[in-house]
Amino acid sequence: QVQLVESGGGLVQPGESLRLSCVVSGNFYIIAGSAWYRQAPGQQRELFAADTSGGATNYADSAKGRFRISRDNAKNTIYLQMNSLKPEDTAIYYCNAVVRRYAGRPTNSYWGQGTQVTVSP
């Protein structure tokens, strides 16, 4: 089985930074893609930042210029660097990994449990 464990959330003041981490563990061949979603109170979960094994990245408009997704394949860890945080960034952030468990086989999508980020004066 594949498991994702997130860390790095917390309470920060506006303008500060946080780095979220997501460790992917278990038996698998490769991480084909990764993403961060977030869910603010009373809202649906939304795709926030994503990357592919080819290195392409995509961001929601509210994330562009402030947030950066990256991945360390040697450590099987996905990161989200968040700078210039705003109160409206307050949400639960979820890590998603598209994993190919065996070479030549289809991929599967896995989720972390979520980590709370609160931005407040």
C-alpha atoms as a PDB file:
ATOM      1  CA  GLN A   1       0.000   0.000   0.000  1.00  0.00           C
ATOM      2  CA  VAL A   2       1.032   3.607  -0.535  1.00  0.00           C
ATOM      3  CA  GLN A   3       0.705   6.209   2.222  1.00  0.00           C
ATOM      4  CA  LEU A   4       1.081   9.974   2.239  1.00  0.00           C
ATOM      5  CA  VAL A   5       1.871  11.853   5.438  1.00  0.00           C
ATOM      6  CA  GLU A   6       1.807  15.646   5.465  1.00  0.00           C
ATOM      7  CA  SER A   7       3.464  18.012   7.891  1.00  0.00           C
ATOM      8  CA  GLY A   8       4.408  21.652   8.233  1.00  0.00           C
ATOM      9  CA  GLY A   9       1.049  23.307   8.763  1.00  0.00           C
ATOM     10  CA  GLY A  10       0.370  25.695  11.591  1.00  0.00           C
ATOM     11  CA  LEU A  11      -0.632  29.186  12.650  1.00  0.00           C
ATOM     12  CA  VAL A  12       1.236  32.090  11.098  1.00  0.00           C
ATOM     13  CA  GLN A  13       0.757  35.823  10.692  1.00  0.00           C
ATOM     14  CA  PRO A  14       0.012  37.501   7.362  1.00  0.00           C
ATOM     15  CA  GLY A  15       3.137  37.922   5.263  1.00  0.00           C
ATOM     16  CA  GLU A  16       4.942  34.966   6.791  1.00  0.00           C
ATOM     17  CA  SER A  17       5.993  31.740   5.093  1.00  0.00           C
ATOM     18  CA  LEU A  18       5.427  28.036   5.590  1.00  0.00           C
ATOM     19  CA  ARG A  19       6.719  24.941   3.853  1.00  0.00           C
ATOM     20  CA  LEU A  20       4.476  21.913   3.729  1.00  0.00           C
ATOM     21  CA  SER A  21       5.975  18.464   3.270  1.00  0.00           C
ATOM     22  CA  CYS A  22       4.351  15.249   2.123  1.00  0.00           C
ATOM     23  CA  VAL A  23       6.257  11.983   2.461  1.00  0.00           C
ATOM     24  CA  VAL A  24       5.159   9.181   0.139  1.00  0.00           C
ATOM     25  CA  SER A  25       5.908   5.752   1.540  1.00  0.00           C
ATOM     26  CA  GLY A  26       5.185   2.153   0.641  1.00  0.00           C
ATOM     27  CA  ASN A  27       5.900  -0.137  -2.256  1.00  0.00           C
ATOM     28  CA  PHE A  28       5.834   1.657  -5.597  1.00  0.00           C
ATOM     29  CA  TYR A  29       7.807   2.194  -8.788  1.00  0.00           C
ATOM     30  CA  ILE A  30       7.595   5.941  -9.354  1.00  0.00           C
ATOM     31  CA  ILE A  31       5.687   9.083  -8.467  1.00  0.00           C
ATOM     32  CA  ALA A  32       4.253  10.163 -11.818  1.00  0.00           C
ATOM     33  CA  GLY A  33       2.752  13.412 -10.631  1.00  0.00           C
ATOM     34  CA  SER A  34       1.919  15.337  -7.498  1.00  0.00           C
ATOM     35  CA  ALA A  35      -0.377  18.119  -6.406  1.00  0.00           C
ATOM     36  CA  TRP A  36      -1.604  20.137  -3.486  1.00  0.00           C
ATOM     37  CA  TYR A  37      -5.280  20.833  -2.961  1.00  0.00           C
ATOM     38  CA  ARG A  38      -6.839  22.984  -0.331  1.00  0.00           C
ATOM     39  CA  GLN A  39     -10.241  23.229   1.280  1.00  0.00           C
ATOM     40  CA  ALA A  40     -11.288  26.402   3.035  1.00  0.00           C
ATOM     41  CA  PRO A  41     -14.144  26.372   5.564  1.00  0.00           C
ATOM     42  CA  GLY A  42     -17.477  25.965   3.815  1.00  0.00           C
ATOM     43  CA  GLN A  43     -15.885  25.523   0.397  1.00  0.00           C
ATOM     44  CA  GLN A  44     -15.086  22.647  -1.891  1.00  0.00           C
ATOM     45  CA  ARG A  45     -11.624  21.175  -2.183  1.00  0.00           C
ATOM     46  CA  GLU A  46      -9.747  22.907  -5.000  1.00  0.00           C
ATOM     47  CA  LEU A  47      -6.625  22.099  -6.975  1.00  0.00           C
ATOM     48  CA  PHE A  48      -3.995  24.600  -5.969  1.00  0.00           C
ATOM     49  CA  ALA A  49      -0.676  23.502  -7.377  1.00  0.00           C
ATOM     50  CA  ALA A  50       0.442  20.546  -9.475  1.00  0.00           C
ATOM     51  CA  ASP A  51       3.484  19.136 -11.186  1.00  0.00           C
ATOM     52  CA  THR A  52       4.206  16.224 -13.500  1.00  0.00           C
ATOM     53  CA  SER A  53       7.121  13.848 -13.879  1.00  0.00           C
ATOM     54  CA  GLY A  54       8.137  15.960 -16.878  1.00  0.00           C
ATOM     55  CA  GLY A  55       8.656  18.974 -14.661  1.00  0.00           C
ATOM     56  CA  ALA A  56       5.682  21.068 -15.808  1.00  0.00           C
ATOM     57  CA  THR A  57       3.874  22.957 -13.051  1.00  0.00           C
ATOM     58  CA  ASN A  58       0.455  24.549 -12.828  1.00  0.00           C
ATOM     59  CA  TYR A  59      -0.919  26.886 -10.198  1.00  0.00           C
ATOM     60  CA  ALA A  60      -4.232  28.403  -9.290  1.00  0.00           C
ATOM     61  CA  ASP A  61      -4.262  32.142  -9.957  1.00  0.00           C
ATOM     62  CA  SER A  62      -4.169  32.900  -6.231  1.00  0.00           C
ATOM     63  CA  ALA A  63      -0.989  30.827  -5.851  1.00  0.00           C
ATOM     64  CA  LYS A  64       1.035  32.226  -8.761  1.00  0.00           C
ATOM     65  CA  GLY A  65       4.082  34.162  -7.655  1.00  0.00           C
ATOM     66  CA  ARG A  66       3.688  33.214  -4.003  1.00  0.00           C
ATOM     67  CA  PHE A  67       3.635  29.434  -3.813  1.00  0.00           C
ATOM     68  CA  ARG A  68       5.917  26.812  -5.325  1.00  0.00           C
ATOM     69  CA  ILE A  69       5.446  23.074  -5.621  1.00  0.00           C
ATOM     70  CA  SER A  70       8.491  20.851  -5.807  1.00  0.00           C
ATOM     71  CA  ARG A  71       9.443  17.224  -5.371  1.00  0.00           C
ATOM     72  CA  ASP A  72      12.527  15.396  -4.145  1.00  0.00           C
ATOM     73  CA  ASN A  73      12.303  12.002  -5.815  1.00  0.00           C
ATOM     74  CA  ALA A  74      15.253  10.649  -3.834  1.00  0.00           C
ATOM     75  CA  LYS A  75      13.333  11.312  -0.618  1.00  0.00           C
ATOM     76  CA  ASN A  76       9.880  10.582  -2.075  1.00  0.00           C
ATOM     77  CA  THR A  77       8.768  13.902  -0.668  1.00  0.00           C
ATOM     78  CA  ILE A  78       6.523  16.576  -2.135  1.00  0.00           C
ATOM     79  CA  TYR A  79       6.812  20.159  -0.948  1.00  0.00           C
ATOM     80  CA  LEU A  80       4.719  23.299  -1.083  1.00  0.00           C
ATOM     81  CA  GLN A  81       6.610  26.488  -0.287  1.00  0.00           C
ATOM     82  CA  MET A  82       4.137  29.200   0.666  1.00  0.00           C
ATOM     83  CA  ASN A  83       5.287  32.805   0.890  1.00  0.00           C
ATOM     84  CA  SER A  84       3.491  36.061   1.627  1.00  0.00           C
ATOM     85  CA  LEU A  85       0.636  34.211   3.255  1.00  0.00           C
ATOM     86  CA  LYS A  86      -2.738  35.904   3.498  1.00  0.00           C
ATOM     87  CA  PRO A  87      -5.734  35.242   5.775  1.00  0.00           C
ATOM     88  CA  GLU A  88      -7.625  33.900   2.751  1.00  0.00           C
ATOM     89  CA  ASP A  89      -5.013  31.153   2.456  1.00  0.00           C
ATOM     90  CA  THR A  90      -6.440  29.636   5.632  1.00  0.00           C
ATOM     91  CA  ALA A  91      -7.503  26.100   4.736  1.00  0.00           C
ATOM     92  CA  ILE A  92      -6.745  22.436   5.119  1.00  0.00           C
ATOM     93  CA  TYR A  93      -4.075  21.516   2.583  1.00  0.00           C
ATOM     94  CA  TYR A  94      -4.093  18.045   1.099  1.00  0.00           C
ATOM     95  CA  CYS A  95      -1.265  16.325  -0.729  1.00  0.00           C
ATOM     96  CA  ASN A  96      -2.055  14.136  -3.733  1.00  0.00           C
ATOM     97  CA  ALA A  97       0.336  11.768  -5.500  1.00  0.00           C
ATOM     98  CA  VAL A  98      -0.224   9.892  -8.734  1.00  0.00           C
ATOM     99  CA  VAL A  99       1.814   6.754  -8.269  1.00  0.00           C
ATOM    100  CA  ARG A 100       2.755   3.938 -10.581  1.00  0.00           C
ATOM    101  CA  ARG A 101       3.167   0.954  -8.317  1.00  0.00           C
ATOM    102  CA  TYR A 102       4.756  -1.273 -10.949  1.00  0.00           C
ATOM    103  CA  ALA A 103       6.570  -0.467 -14.196  1.00  0.00           C
ATOM    104  CA  GLY A 104       4.239  -0.528 -17.181  1.00  0.00           C
ATOM    105  CA  ARG A 105       1.115  -0.642 -15.035  1.00  0.00           C
ATOM    106  CA  PRO A 106      -1.540   2.065 -14.671  1.00  0.00           C
ATOM    107  CA  THR A 107      -1.213   4.772 -12.069  1.00  0.00           C
ATOM    108  CA  ASN A 108      -3.307   5.273  -8.954  1.00  0.00           C
ATOM    109  CA  SER A 109      -4.083   8.418  -7.012  1.00  0.00           C
ATOM    110  CA  TYR A 110      -3.405   8.662  -3.296  1.00  0.00           C
ATOM    111  CA  TRP A 111      -4.224  11.317  -0.700  1.00  0.00           C
ATOM    112  CA  GLY A 112      -2.742  12.550   2.507  1.00  0.00           C
ATOM    113  CA  GLN A 113      -4.794  13.235   5.613  1.00  0.00           C
ATOM    114  CA  GLY A 114      -4.521  17.019   5.339  1.00  0.00           C
ATOM    115  CA  THR A 115      -2.704  19.643   7.349  1.00  0.00           C
ATOM    116  CA  GLN A 116      -4.266  22.818   8.706  1.00  0.00           C
ATOM    117  CA  VAL A 117      -2.826  26.189   7.734  1.00  0.00           C
ATOM    118  CA  THR A 118      -4.201  29.218   9.562  1.00  0.00           C
ATOM    119  CA  VAL A 119      -3.149  32.744   8.690  1.00  0.00           C
ATOM    120  CA  SER A 120      -4.250  35.270  11.275  1.00  0.00           C
ATOM    121  CA  PRO A 121      -2.879  38.497  12.796  1.00  0.00           C
END
